[in-house]
Amino acid sequence: MHTDMRRIMTSTILGLALSAGTASAQDYGANYGPYVSVAGGMTDSKDMNIALRNPLGAAPTSNTIHTNTGWTVNGAFGNKWTNGLRTELEVAYRQVGADRINATTLSGSQKTLSLMGNVLYDIETGSKINFSVGGGAGVGRAKWADVRGMGVPSFNDSDTNLQWQAIGEVSMPIGEKMALFADYRYITLYDNNFYSTTGTARASAGTDRSHNVLVGLRYYFGS
């Protein structure tokens, strides 16, 4: 699964490079000031280790949750400064399907809504292809939506915790105020705790770590 994500990112970068090679020779120059961006792509959560108490008073048992590859979208409002830094506020949503707990099949999904503050540094290369590195921190609200199949009542609960991400980006201008970009993001959402719908079971300390590949557009209001 993770190999597929790397292949998708490599193909995306190559696609941008080919587009740059066939683009108009016009030099769009650098854009600065406020901007908005939208992006969408794929998310792949790593296996999540949880402690399951069923019933609540019982000793916890160690379990591993496996999920399927899902999808993600985000939008951001930010500002690019003349020193190469970009700061932005981002709202994002990602969703993966539940696959199994240990060897037992699961149904349902995990849905995460997040609010992040990001700081990135744009590396100008003197060509149409540019690179950025950075990260962000904020909060994520994860929900187990109708997750069932683990021998306990279904889970339909949410939890809000600290989230951070590391970002790598490749971009190219496609107009005087528009840029096309592809991101890789490694996202960590800490210590999720979920109660079953009947309140008789609890899945705790599940840290969600995910690989994310997105493609999007960024529009600058100034130039």
C-alpha atoms as a PDB file:
ATOM      1  CA  MET A   1       0.000   0.000   0.000  1.00  0.00           C
ATOM      2  CA  HIS A   2       2.747   2.465   0.956  1.00  0.00           C
ATOM      3  CA  THR A   3       4.691   1.487  -2.194  1.00  0.00           C
ATOM      4  CA  ASP A   4       1.652   2.500  -4.258  1.00  0.00           C
ATOM      5  CA  MET A   5       1.617   5.907  -2.553  1.00  0.00           C
ATOM      6  CA  ARG A   6       5.289   6.465  -3.429  1.00  0.00           C
ATOM      7  CA  ARG A   7       4.597   5.513  -7.042  1.00  0.00           C
ATOM      8  CA  ILE A   8       1.714   7.992  -7.209  1.00  0.00           C
ATOM      9  CA  MET A   9       3.893  10.798  -5.805  1.00  0.00           C
ATOM     10  CA  THR A  10       6.701   9.987  -8.271  1.00  0.00           C
ATOM     11  CA  SER A  11       4.266   9.969 -11.201  1.00  0.00           C
ATOM     12  CA  THR A  12       2.805  13.302 -10.085  1.00  0.00           C
ATOM     13  CA  ILE A  13       6.230  14.961  -9.879  1.00  0.00           C
ATOM     14  CA  LEU A  14       7.184  13.604 -13.314  1.00  0.00           C
ATOM     15  CA  GLY A  15       3.900  14.900 -14.704  1.00  0.00           C
ATOM     16  CA  LEU A  16       4.623  18.388 -13.398  1.00  0.00           C
ATOM     17  CA  ALA A  17       8.126  18.259 -14.849  1.00  0.00           C
ATOM     18  CA  LEU A  18       6.787  17.271 -18.288  1.00  0.00           C
ATOM     19  CA  SER A  19       4.171  20.028 -18.109  1.00  0.00           C
ATOM     20  CA  ALA A  20       6.898  22.544 -17.299  1.00  0.00           C
ATOM     21  CA  GLY A  21       8.972  21.357 -20.244  1.00  0.00           C
ATOM     22  CA  THR A  22       6.090  21.917 -22.679  1.00  0.00           C
ATOM     23  CA  ALA A  23       4.752  25.131 -21.090  1.00  0.00           C
ATOM     24  CA  SER A  24       4.973  28.544 -22.643  1.00  0.00           C
ATOM     25  CA  ALA A  25       8.355  30.250 -22.395  1.00  0.00           C
ATOM     26  CA  GLN A  26       6.720  33.210 -20.655  1.00  0.00           C
ATOM     27  CA  ASP A  27       8.395  33.986 -17.333  1.00  0.00           C
ATOM     28  CA  TYR A  28       5.609  34.502 -14.817  1.00  0.00           C
ATOM     29  CA  GLY A  29       7.960  35.589 -12.031  1.00  0.00           C
ATOM     30  CA  ALA A  30       7.341  35.171  -8.300  1.00  0.00           C
ATOM     31  CA  ASN A  31       3.994  35.773  -6.596  1.00  0.00           C
ATOM     32  CA  TYR A  32       3.733  37.283  -3.120  1.00  0.00           C
ATOM     33  CA  GLY A  33       1.017  38.271  -0.724  1.00  0.00           C
ATOM     34  CA  PRO A  34      -2.246  36.540   0.227  1.00  0.00           C
ATOM     35  CA  TYR A  35      -3.477  33.397  -1.504  1.00  0.00           C
ATOM     36  CA  VAL A  36      -6.031  30.598  -1.313  1.00  0.00           C
ATOM     37  CA  SER A  37      -5.484  26.962  -2.245  1.00  0.00           C
ATOM     38  CA  VAL A  38      -7.546  23.804  -2.679  1.00  0.00           C
ATOM     39  CA  ALA A  39      -6.247  20.248  -3.026  1.00  0.00           C
ATOM     40  CA  GLY A  40      -7.379  16.643  -3.015  1.00  0.00           C
ATOM     41  CA  GLY A  41      -5.855  13.203  -3.159  1.00  0.00           C
ATOM     42  CA  MET A  42      -5.234   9.923  -1.362  1.00  0.00           C
ATOM     43  CA  THR A  43      -4.581   9.038   2.270  1.00  0.00           C
ATOM     44  CA  ASP A  44      -3.140   5.818   3.643  1.00  0.00           C
ATOM     45  CA  SER A  45      -3.188   5.294   7.428  1.00  0.00           C
ATOM     46  CA  LYS A  46      -0.576   3.064   9.034  1.00  0.00           C
ATOM     47  CA  ASP A  47      -1.681   0.237  11.307  1.00  0.00           C
ATOM     48  CA  MET A  48      -3.016   1.639  14.610  1.00  0.00           C
ATOM     49  CA  ASN A  49      -2.297  -0.059  17.936  1.00  0.00           C
ATOM     50  CA  ILE A  50      -5.117   0.248  20.475  1.00  0.00           C
ATOM     51  CA  ALA A  51      -5.955  -1.044  23.942  1.00  0.00           C
ATOM     52  CA  LEU A  52      -9.465  -2.507  23.981  1.00  0.00           C
ATOM     53  CA  ARG A  53     -11.434  -2.782  27.232  1.00  0.00           C
ATOM     54  CA  ASN A  54     -14.531  -4.940  26.859  1.00  0.00           C
ATOM     55  CA  PRO A  55     -16.267  -4.514  29.223  1.00  0.00           C
ATOM     56  CA  LEU A  56     -14.896  -1.250  30.635  1.00  0.00           C
ATOM     57  CA  GLY A  57     -13.818  -2.846  33.898  1.00  0.00           C
ATOM     58  CA  ALA A  58     -11.854  -5.616  32.192  1.00  0.00           C
ATOM     59  CA  ALA A  59      -8.103  -5.618  31.688  1.00  0.00           C
ATOM     60  CA  PRO A  60      -7.089  -4.043  28.363  1.00  0.00           C
ATOM     61  CA  THR A  61      -6.104  -6.259  25.436  1.00  0.00           C
ATOM     62  CA  SER A  62      -3.638  -5.154  22.750  1.00  0.00           C
ATOM     63  CA  ASN A  63      -5.038  -4.999  19.214  1.00  0.00           C
ATOM     64  CA  THR A  64      -4.056  -3.688  15.785  1.00  0.00           C
ATOM     65  CA  ILE A  65      -6.498  -1.795  13.556  1.00  0.00           C
ATOM     66  CA  HIS A  66      -5.951  -1.977   9.773  1.00  0.00           C
ATOM     67  CA  THR A  67      -7.610   0.455   7.348  1.00  0.00           C
ATOM     68  CA  ASN A  68      -8.012   0.779   3.582  1.00  0.00           C
ATOM     69  CA  THR A  69      -6.610   3.555   1.399  1.00  0.00           C
ATOM     70  CA  GLY A  70      -8.963   6.526   1.479  1.00  0.00           C
ATOM     71  CA  TRP A  71      -9.316  10.075   0.218  1.00  0.00           C
ATOM     72  CA  THR A  72      -8.549  13.555   1.513  1.00  0.00           C
ATOM     73  CA  VAL A  73      -9.298  17.187   0.639  1.00  0.00           C
ATOM     74  CA  ASN A  74      -8.095  20.478   2.088  1.00  0.00           C
ATOM     75  CA  GLY A  75      -8.332  24.220   1.662  1.00  0.00           C
ATOM     76  CA  ALA A  76      -6.005  26.929   2.953  1.00  0.00           C
ATOM     77  CA  PHE A  77      -5.750  30.695   3.216  1.00  0.00           C
ATOM     78  CA  GLY A  78      -2.243  32.052   3.572  1.00  0.00           C
ATOM     79  CA  ASN A  79       0.376  34.636   2.759  1.00  0.00           C
ATOM     80  CA  LYS A  80       3.701  34.379   0.944  1.00  0.00           C
ATOM     81  CA  TRP A  81       6.365  36.711   2.306  1.00  0.00           C
ATOM     82  CA  THR A  82       9.257  38.193   0.335  1.00  0.00           C
ATOM     83  CA  ASN A  83      11.784  36.190   2.418  1.00  0.00           C
ATOM     84  CA  GLY A  84      10.500  32.899   0.964  1.00  0.00           C
ATOM     85  CA  LEU A  85       8.322  31.906   3.901  1.00  0.00           C
ATOM     86  CA  ARG A  86       4.643  31.052   3.590  1.00  0.00           C
ATOM     87  CA  THR A  87       2.225  30.981   6.506  1.00  0.00           C
ATOM     88  CA  GLU A  88      -1.274  29.581   6.190  1.00  0.00           C
ATOM     89  CA  LEU A  89      -4.360  28.359   7.996  1.00  0.00           C
ATOM     90  CA  GLU A  90      -5.644  25.036   6.672  1.00  0.00           C
ATOM     91  CA  VAL A  91      -8.870  23.076   7.037  1.00  0.00           C
ATOM     92  CA  ALA A  92      -8.686  19.432   5.935  1.00  0.00           C
ATOM     93  CA  TYR A  93     -10.814  16.290   5.837  1.00  0.00           C
ATOM     94  CA  ARG A  94      -9.713  12.711   5.299  1.00  0.00           C
ATOM     95  CA  GLN A  95     -11.571   9.407   5.376  1.00  0.00           C
ATOM     96  CA  VAL A  96     -10.468   5.762   5.368  1.00  0.00           C
ATOM     97  CA  GLY A  97     -12.501   2.581   5.517  1.00  0.00           C
ATOM     98  CA  ALA A  98     -12.073   0.158   8.420  1.00  0.00           C
ATOM     99  CA  ASP A  99     -10.605  -3.138   7.208  1.00  0.00           C
ATOM    100  CA  ARG A 100      -9.940  -5.427  10.182  1.00  0.00           C
ATOM    101  CA  ILE A 101      -8.873  -5.675  13.801  1.00  0.00           C
ATOM    102  CA  ASN A 102      -6.104  -8.265  14.013  1.00  0.00           C
ATOM    103  CA  ALA A 103      -7.591 -10.968  11.733  1.00  0.00           C
ATOM    104  CA  THR A 104     -11.279 -10.072  12.270  1.00  0.00           C
ATOM    105  CA  THR A 105     -13.061  -8.168   9.480  1.00  0.00           C
ATOM    106  CA  LEU A 106     -14.391  -4.693  10.295  1.00  0.00           C
ATOM    107  CA  SER A 107     -16.915  -2.405   8.640  1.00  0.00           C
ATOM    108  CA  GLY A 108     -17.373   1.341   8.988  1.00  0.00           C
ATOM    109  CA  SER A 109     -14.900   4.189   8.550  1.00  0.00           C
ATOM    110  CA  GLN A 110     -12.626   6.659  10.293  1.00  0.00           C
ATOM    111  CA  LYS A 111     -13.303  10.303   9.420  1.00  0.00           C
ATOM    112  CA  THR A 112     -10.978  13.123  10.480  1.00  0.00           C
ATOM    113  CA  LEU A 113     -11.584  16.875  10.324  1.00  0.00           C
ATOM    114  CA  SER A 114      -8.612  19.078  11.201  1.00  0.00           C
ATOM    115  CA  LEU A 115      -7.551  22.701  11.616  1.00  0.00           C
ATOM    116  CA  MET A 116      -3.840  23.411  11.173  1.00  0.00           C
ATOM    117  CA  GLY A 117      -1.437  26.333  11.130  1.00  0.00           C
ATOM    118  CA  ASN A 118       1.380  25.731   8.618  1.00  0.00           C
ATOM    119  CA  VAL A 119       4.759  27.338   7.928  1.00  0.00           C
ATOM    120  CA  LEU A 120       6.587  26.505   4.672  1.00  0.00           C
ATOM    121  CA  TYR A 121       9.720  27.715   2.942  1.00  0.00           C
ATOM    122  CA  ASP A 122       9.682  28.064  -0.852  1.00  0.00           C
ATOM    123  CA  ILE A 123      12.917  27.096  -2.585  1.00  0.00           C
ATOM    124  CA  GLU A 124      13.163  29.096  -5.816  1.00  0.00           C
ATOM    125  CA  THR A 125      15.134  27.171  -8.449  1.00  0.00           C
ATOM    126  CA  GLY A 126      15.184  29.761 -11.246  1.00  0.00           C
ATOM    127  CA  SER A 127      12.995  27.477 -13.353  1.00  0.00           C
ATOM    128  CA  LYS A 128       9.289  26.723 -13.537  1.00  0.00           C
ATOM    129  CA  ILE A 129       9.638  23.830 -11.078  1.00  0.00           C
ATOM    130  CA  ASN A 130      10.038  24.949  -7.449  1.00  0.00           C
ATOM    131  CA  PHE A 131      10.107  23.086  -4.157  1.00  0.00           C
ATOM    132  CA  SER A 132       8.794  23.775  -0.656  1.00  0.00           C
ATOM    133  CA  VAL A 133       9.338  22.172   2.739  1.00  0.00           C
ATOM    134  CA  GLY A 134       7.550  22.835   5.996  1.00  0.00           C
ATOM    135  CA  GLY A 135       5.152  21.613   8.605  1.00  0.00           C
ATOM    136  CA  GLY A 136       2.172  22.469  10.720  1.00  0.00           C
ATOM    137  CA  ALA A 137       0.428  21.860  14.008  1.00  0.00           C
ATOM    138  CA  GLY A 138      -3.153  22.056  15.214  1.00  0.00           C
ATOM    139  CA  VAL A 139      -6.030  19.821  16.203  1.00  0.00           C
ATOM    140  CA  GLY A 140      -7.775  16.902  14.560  1.00  0.00           C
ATOM    141  CA  ARG A 141     -11.182  15.445  15.378  1.00  0.00           C
ATOM    142  CA  ALA A 142     -11.355  11.755  14.495  1.00  0.00           C
ATOM    143  CA  LYS A 143     -14.612   9.831  14.358  1.00  0.00           C
ATOM    144  CA  TRP A 144     -15.181   6.102  14.193  1.00  0.00           C
ATOM    145  CA  ALA A 145     -18.383   5.976  12.159  1.00  0.00           C
ATOM    146  CA  ASP A 146     -20.344   2.747  12.672  1.00  0.00           C
ATOM    147  CA  VAL A 147     -17.170   0.687  13.170  1.00  0.00           C
ATOM    148  CA  ARG A 148     -18.197  -2.849  14.065  1.00  0.00           C
ATOM    149  CA  GLY A 149     -17.168  -6.479  13.762  1.00  0.00           C
ATOM    150  CA  MET A 150     -14.756  -6.793  16.696  1.00  0.00           C
ATOM    151  CA  GLY A 151     -17.096  -8.808  18.905  1.00  0.00           C
ATOM    152  CA  VAL A 152     -18.362  -5.731  20.770  1.00  0.00           C
ATOM    153  CA  PRO A 153     -21.166  -3.202  20.149  1.00  0.00           C
ATOM    154  CA  SER A 154     -20.503  -0.824  17.283  1.00  0.00           C
ATOM    155  CA  PHE A 155     -18.398   2.323  17.727  1.00  0.00           C
ATOM    156  CA  ASN A 156     -19.799   5.685  16.660  1.00  0.00           C
ATOM    157  CA  ASP A 157     -17.720   8.123  18.703  1.00  0.00           C
ATOM    158  CA  SER A 158     -15.371  11.112  18.191  1.00  0.00           C
ATOM    159  CA  ASP A 159     -12.267  12.431  19.904  1.00  0.00           C
ATOM    160  CA  THR A 160     -10.240  15.651  19.444  1.00  0.00           C
ATOM    161  CA  ASN A 161      -6.461  15.694  19.930  1.00  0.00           C
ATOM    162  CA  LEU A 162      -3.172  17.296  18.900  1.00  0.00           C
ATOM    163  CA  GLN A 163      -2.166  16.840  15.270  1.00  0.00           C
ATOM    164  CA  TRP A 164       0.993  17.756  13.363  1.00  0.00           C
ATOM    165  CA  GLN A 165       2.247  17.271   9.832  1.00  0.00           C
ATOM    166  CA  ALA A 166       5.451  17.410   7.770  1.00  0.00           C
ATOM    167  CA  ILE A 167       5.067  18.724   4.212  1.00  0.00           C
ATOM    168  CA  GLY A 168       7.100  18.393   1.015  1.00  0.00           C
ATOM    169  CA  GLU A 169       5.872  20.100  -2.148  1.00  0.00           C
ATOM    170  CA  VAL A 170       6.705  20.582  -5.802  1.00  0.00           C
ATOM    171  CA  SER A 171       4.955  23.371  -7.745  1.00  0.00           C
ATOM    172  CA  MET A 172       4.912  25.242 -11.016  1.00  0.00           C
ATOM    173  CA  PRO A 173       3.147  28.418 -12.245  1.00  0.00           C
ATOM    174  CA  ILE A 174       0.376  27.948 -14.796  1.00  0.00           C
ATOM    175  CA  GLY A 175      -0.607  31.611 -15.053  1.00  0.00           C
ATOM    176  CA  GLU A 176       0.244  35.035 -13.727  1.00  0.00           C
ATOM    177  CA  LYS A 177      -1.510  34.349 -10.412  1.00  0.00           C
ATOM    178  CA  MET A 178      -2.047  30.594 -10.431  1.00  0.00           C
ATOM    179  CA  ALA A 179       0.205  27.686  -9.471  1.00  0.00           C
ATOM    180  CA  LEU A 180      -0.240  23.921  -9.726  1.00  0.00           C
ATOM    181  CA  PHE A 181       1.258  21.899  -6.877  1.00  0.00           C
ATOM    182  CA  ALA A 182       1.664  18.350  -5.572  1.00  0.00           C
ATOM    183  CA  ASP A 183       2.150  17.645  -1.855  1.00  0.00           C
ATOM    184  CA  TYR A 184       3.341  14.758   0.239  1.00  0.00           C
ATOM    185  CA  ARG A 185       2.214  15.021   3.885  1.00  0.00           C
ATOM    186  CA  TYR A 186       3.024  12.791   6.815  1.00  0.00           C
ATOM    187  CA  ILE A 187       0.319  13.406   9.432  1.00  0.00           C
ATOM    188  CA  THR A 188       0.198  12.258  13.057  1.00  0.00           C
ATOM    189  CA  LEU A 189      -2.943  12.514  15.222  1.00  0.00           C
ATOM    190  CA  TYR A 190      -2.304  11.509  18.826  1.00  0.00           C
ATOM    191  CA  ASP A 191      -4.111   9.370  21.409  1.00  0.00           C
ATOM    192  CA  ASN A 192      -7.583   8.734  20.027  1.00  0.00           C
ATOM    193  CA  ASN A 193     -10.107   7.248  22.467  1.00  0.00           C
ATOM    194  CA  PHE A 194     -13.490   5.882  21.406  1.00  0.00           C
ATOM    195  CA  TYR A 195     -16.433   4.497  23.382  1.00  0.00           C
ATOM    196  CA  SER A 196     -18.900   1.998  21.963  1.00  0.00           C
ATOM    197  CA  THR A 197     -22.451   3.155  21.272  1.00  0.00           C
ATOM    198  CA  THR A 198     -23.670   1.326  24.385  1.00  0.00           C
ATOM    199  CA  GLY A 199     -20.847   2.712  26.540  1.00  0.00           C
ATOM    200  CA  THR A 200     -19.751  -0.786  27.564  1.00  0.00           C
ATOM    201  CA  ALA A 201     -16.430  -0.904  25.664  1.00  0.00           C
ATOM    202  CA  ARG A 202     -13.524   1.477  25.002  1.00  0.00           C
ATOM    203  CA  ALA A 203     -10.745   1.587  22.407  1.00  0.00           C
ATOM    204  CA  SER A 204      -7.954   3.865  23.624  1.00  0.00           C
ATOM    205  CA  ALA A 205      -4.536   5.357  22.815  1.00  0.00           C
ATOM    206  CA  GLY A 206      -4.828   4.818  19.082  1.00  0.00           C
ATOM    207  CA  THR A 207      -2.364   7.198  17.366  1.00  0.00           C
ATOM    208  CA  ASP A 208      -3.190   7.687  13.669  1.00  0.00           C
ATOM    209  CA  ARG A 209      -0.195   8.122  11.347  1.00  0.00           C
ATOM    210  CA  SER A 210      -0.884   8.563   7.659  1.00  0.00           C
ATOM    211  CA  HIS A 211       0.811   9.103   4.292  1.00  0.00           C
ATOM    212  CA  ASN A 212      -1.011  11.635   2.112  1.00  0.00           C
ATOM    213  CA  VAL A 213      -0.517  12.640  -1.541  1.00  0.00           C
ATOM    214  CA  LEU A 214      -2.474  15.624  -2.878  1.00  0.00           C
ATOM    215  CA  VAL A 215      -2.645  17.690  -6.060  1.00  0.00           C
ATOM    216  CA  GLY A 216      -4.070  21.209  -6.001  1.00  0.00           C
ATOM    217  CA  LEU A 217      -4.227  24.792  -7.228  1.00  0.00           C
ATOM    218  CA  ARG A 218      -3.041  27.969  -5.479  1.00  0.00           C
ATOM    219  CA  TYR A 219      -4.342  31.411  -6.444  1.00  0.00           C
ATOM    220  CA  TYR A 220      -2.477  34.583  -5.457  1.00  0.00           C
ATOM    221  CA  PHE A 221      -4.470  37.791  -5.069  1.00  0.00           C
ATOM    222  CA  GLY A 222      -1.398  39.952  -5.737  1.00  0.00           C
ATOM    223  CA  SER A 223       1.627  39.480  -7.982  1.00  0.00           C
END
